[in-house]
Amino acid sequence: MSAAQRREQILDVTRSIVLDEGFHEVTPGRIAAGAGVDRSLVYQQFGDLAGLFVALIDREITIAGEGFAAAVAAAADQPERPTFDTVFDGVLAAIDENPSAWRLFLSPPQGAPPELHARLAESTKLVRGFLQDELERLNPDLEDPELTALALHAAGSELLHQHVVNPTAVTADRLRAFIPAAIARRSGR
């Protein structure tokens, strides 16, 4: 295995422990055992657990961010379709393609380091800004686009959280049927 592949393997093992049991259950020994490597390699690759956690968070936020960016780009390529519908479909597809990355942010595990909360705050600001801009574009007379975006983000985050933690009950098809109608009612389109 190359050094890059080994690094990804260590991050995958770490993510698995974090999502199943929380950050507080991660130890260099457990990671090394799960990856089939010596503990010294974990330290060599990441310095310490804090460095490992930051590398994991940065990798997963990149995956989720790329999924969101691709969904927004797809909306620009489909001007005949409502933007919110296209973006939501794209986000659902990104979640279903890599649920572990999204679960880290939609359902933060116990003992999460401050870096996770900082990345969450940054991404929340970005998504809320996108929602507000789209609401204002769709309905310039909307009374309070900022609060409407806040409400849509909160509701959407909770629904996506439910999809990630219980995909058999809150299916992508169920959400695709519900979300566009709910957004249309809130945005005035």
Protein backbone atom coordinates (compact mmCIF):
# COMPACT_ATOMS: atom_id res chain seq x y z
CA MET A 1 0.00 0.00 0.00
CA SER A 2 1.29 3.48 -0.82
CA ALA A 3 1.68 6.06 1.93
CA ALA A 4 -1.39 7.93 0.59
CA GLN A 5 -3.45 4.74 0.57
CA ARG A 6 -2.32 3.87 4.08
CA ARG A 7 -3.25 7.38 5.25
CA GLU A 8 -6.75 6.97 3.77
CA GLN A 9 -7.06 3.57 5.42
CA ILE A 10 -6.18 5.05 8.82
CA LEU A 11 -8.71 7.84 8.27
CA ASP A 12 -11.36 5.28 7.28
CA VAL A 13 -10.75 3.25 10.45
CA THR A 14 -10.88 6.42 12.52
CA ARG A 15 -14.13 7.52 10.87
CA SER A 16 -15.68 4.13 11.57
CA ILE A 17 -14.83 4.30 15.27
CA VAL A 18 -15.96 7.93 15.51
CA LEU A 19 -19.31 7.28 13.84
CA ASP A 20 -20.01 4.09 15.79
CA GLU A 21 -18.78 5.16 19.22
CA GLY A 22 -17.70 8.82 19.25
CA PHE A 23 -14.41 10.67 19.15
CA HIS A 24 -13.70 9.83 22.78
CA GLU A 25 -13.33 6.13 21.91
CA VAL A 26 -10.56 6.67 19.38
CA THR A 27 -7.10 5.60 20.52
CA PRO A 28 -3.92 5.15 18.50
CA GLY A 29 -3.92 1.47 19.51
CA ARG A 30 -7.45 0.86 18.21
CA ILE A 31 -6.68 2.65 14.97
CA ALA A 32 -3.45 0.73 14.47
CA ALA A 33 -5.18 -2.58 15.17
CA GLY A 34 -8.05 -1.75 12.83
CA ALA A 35 -5.70 -0.70 10.04
CA GLY A 36 -3.23 -3.53 10.65
CA VAL A 37 -0.33 -1.14 11.19
CA ASP A 38 2.03 -0.21 13.99
CA ARG A 39 0.96 2.65 16.29
CA SER A 40 4.05 4.59 15.31
CA LEU A 41 2.67 4.91 11.77
CA VAL A 42 -0.41 6.68 13.10
CA TYR A 43 1.84 9.21 14.86
CA GLN A 44 4.12 9.44 11.84
CA GLN A 45 1.19 10.27 9.53
CA PHE A 46 -0.77 12.63 11.81
CA GLY A 47 1.43 13.69 14.72
CA ASP A 48 -1.18 13.06 17.41
CA LEU A 49 -4.89 12.37 17.83
CA ALA A 50 -5.75 16.05 17.40
CA GLY A 51 -3.94 16.06 14.05
CA LEU A 52 -5.70 12.86 13.04
CA PHE A 53 -9.11 14.34 13.94
CA VAL A 54 -8.43 17.52 11.97
CA ALA A 55 -7.31 15.47 8.95
CA LEU A 56 -10.49 13.37 9.19
CA ILE A 57 -12.75 16.41 9.56
CA ASP A 58 -11.06 18.22 6.68
CA ARG A 59 -11.32 15.16 4.42
CA GLU A 60 -15.00 14.65 5.19
CA ILE A 61 -15.93 18.35 4.88
CA THR A 62 -14.20 18.37 1.49
CA ILE A 63 -16.31 15.40 0.38
CA ALA A 64 -19.54 17.00 1.60
CA GLY A 65 -18.58 20.41 0.21
CA GLU A 66 -17.82 18.96 -3.20
CA GLY A 67 -21.23 17.26 -3.16
CA PHE A 68 -22.98 20.54 -2.35
CA ALA A 69 -20.96 22.45 -4.95
CA ALA A 70 -21.79 19.85 -7.61
CA ALA A 71 -25.48 20.13 -6.73
CA VAL A 72 -25.37 23.93 -7.09
CA ALA A 73 -23.49 23.62 -10.39
CA ALA A 74 -26.10 21.16 -11.66
CA ALA A 75 -28.80 23.73 -10.95
CA ALA A 76 -27.02 26.24 -13.18
CA ASP A 77 -26.98 23.64 -15.96
CA GLN A 78 -30.75 23.05 -15.65
CA PRO A 79 -32.35 26.51 -15.72
CA GLU A 80 -35.73 25.06 -16.72
CA ARG A 81 -35.98 23.21 -13.39
CA PRO A 82 -36.46 24.93 -10.01
CA THR A 83 -33.06 25.53 -8.42
CA PHE A 84 -34.05 24.24 -4.98
CA ASP A 85 -35.30 20.96 -6.47
CA THR A 86 -32.10 20.40 -8.44
CA VAL A 87 -29.83 21.29 -5.54
CA PHE A 88 -31.78 19.15 -3.11
CA ASP A 89 -31.66 16.18 -5.51
CA GLY A 90 -27.93 16.69 -5.89
CA VAL A 91 -27.36 16.85 -2.15
CA LEU A 92 -29.41 13.67 -1.64
CA ALA A 93 -27.35 11.93 -4.32
CA ALA A 94 -24.13 13.11 -2.65
CA ILE A 95 -25.35 11.86 0.73
CA ASP A 96 -26.32 8.50 -0.69
CA GLU A 97 -22.95 8.24 -2.45
CA ASN A 98 -21.00 8.88 0.77
CA PRO A 99 -23.28 8.79 3.82
CA SER A 100 -20.41 8.54 6.31
CA ALA A 101 -18.97 11.92 5.34
CA TRP A 102 -22.35 13.59 5.66
CA ARG A 103 -23.26 11.76 8.87
CA LEU A 104 -20.25 13.29 10.59
CA PHE A 105 -21.74 16.75 10.05
CA LEU A 106 -25.47 16.03 10.12
CA SER A 107 -25.15 14.00 13.31
CA PRO A 108 -21.93 15.07 15.08
CA PRO A 109 -20.61 12.25 17.30
CA GLN A 110 -19.89 12.58 21.00
CA GLY A 111 -16.65 14.22 21.98
CA ALA A 112 -16.30 16.13 18.70
CA PRO A 113 -13.33 18.49 18.68
CA PRO A 114 -13.81 22.24 18.19
CA GLU A 115 -12.58 21.96 14.60
CA LEU A 116 -15.68 19.97 13.69
CA HIS A 117 -17.96 22.63 15.12
CA ALA A 118 -15.96 25.37 13.37
CA ARG A 119 -16.26 23.60 9.99
CA LEU A 120 -19.98 23.07 10.66
CA ALA A 121 -20.46 26.77 11.38
CA GLU A 122 -18.64 27.71 8.16
CA SER A 123 -20.70 25.34 6.03
CA THR A 124 -23.94 26.37 7.71
CA LYS A 125 -23.21 30.01 6.90
CA LEU A 126 -22.49 29.12 3.27
CA VAL A 127 -25.66 27.05 2.83
CA ARG A 128 -27.86 29.64 4.56
CA GLY A 129 -26.39 32.33 2.31
CA PHE A 130 -27.19 30.24 -0.75
CA LEU A 131 -30.75 29.69 0.48
CA GLN A 132 -31.27 33.38 1.24
CA ASP A 133 -29.90 34.46 -2.15
CA GLU A 134 -32.18 32.01 -3.95
CA LEU A 135 -35.21 33.07 -1.91
CA GLU A 136 -34.56 36.71 -2.73
CA ARG A 137 -34.08 35.87 -6.40
CA LEU A 138 -37.29 33.84 -6.55
CA ASN A 139 -39.38 36.27 -4.56
CA PRO A 140 -37.95 39.79 -4.15
CA ASP A 141 -41.00 40.72 -2.08
CA LEU A 142 -40.49 37.96 0.48
CA GLU A 143 -40.98 39.57 3.88
CA ASP A 144 -37.98 38.10 5.70
CA PRO A 145 -35.68 36.02 3.48
CA GLU A 146 -33.07 35.70 6.23
CA LEU A 147 -35.45 34.03 8.69
CA THR A 148 -37.02 32.00 5.89
CA ALA A 149 -33.56 30.72 4.92
CA LEU A 150 -32.84 29.94 8.56
CA ALA A 151 -36.07 27.95 8.86
CA LEU A 152 -35.47 26.09 5.58
CA HIS A 153 -31.93 25.26 6.62
CA ALA A 154 -33.03 23.97 10.04
CA ALA A 155 -35.81 21.87 8.59
CA GLY A 156 -33.67 20.60 5.72
CA SER A 157 -30.79 19.71 8.05
CA GLU A 158 -33.10 17.73 10.30
CA LEU A 159 -34.68 15.88 7.39
CA LEU A 160 -31.27 15.05 5.92
CA HIS A 161 -30.10 13.96 9.38
CA GLN A 162 -33.07 11.59 9.57
CA HIS A 163 -32.25 10.26 6.10
CA VAL A 164 -28.66 9.57 7.11
CA VAL A 165 -29.49 7.84 10.40
CA ASN A 166 -32.62 6.02 9.18
CA PRO A 167 -32.50 5.74 5.37
CA THR A 168 -35.11 2.98 5.20
CA ALA A 169 -37.79 5.14 6.86
CA VAL A 170 -36.76 8.53 5.50
CA THR A 171 -35.96 7.52 1.96
CA ALA A 172 -34.59 9.75 -0.77
CA ASP A 173 -37.82 9.26 -2.74
CA ARG A 174 -39.90 10.30 0.25
CA LEU A 175 -37.81 13.42 0.71
CA ARG A 176 -37.90 14.23 -3.01
CA ALA A 177 -41.70 14.17 -2.86
CA PHE A 178 -41.88 16.30 0.29
CA ILE A 179 -39.16 18.94 0.00
CA PRO A 180 -40.08 20.70 -3.27
CA ALA A 181 -43.66 21.23 -2.12
CA ALA A 182 -42.50 22.50 1.27
CA ILE A 183 -39.99 24.90 -0.28
CA ALA A 184 -42.57 26.18 -2.76
CA ARG A 185 -44.91 27.03 0.12
CA ARG A 186 -42.15 28.86 2.06
CA SER A 187 -40.54 30.68 -0.86
CA GLY A 188 -43.70 31.84 -2.56
CA ARG A 189 -42.83 30.23 -5.90
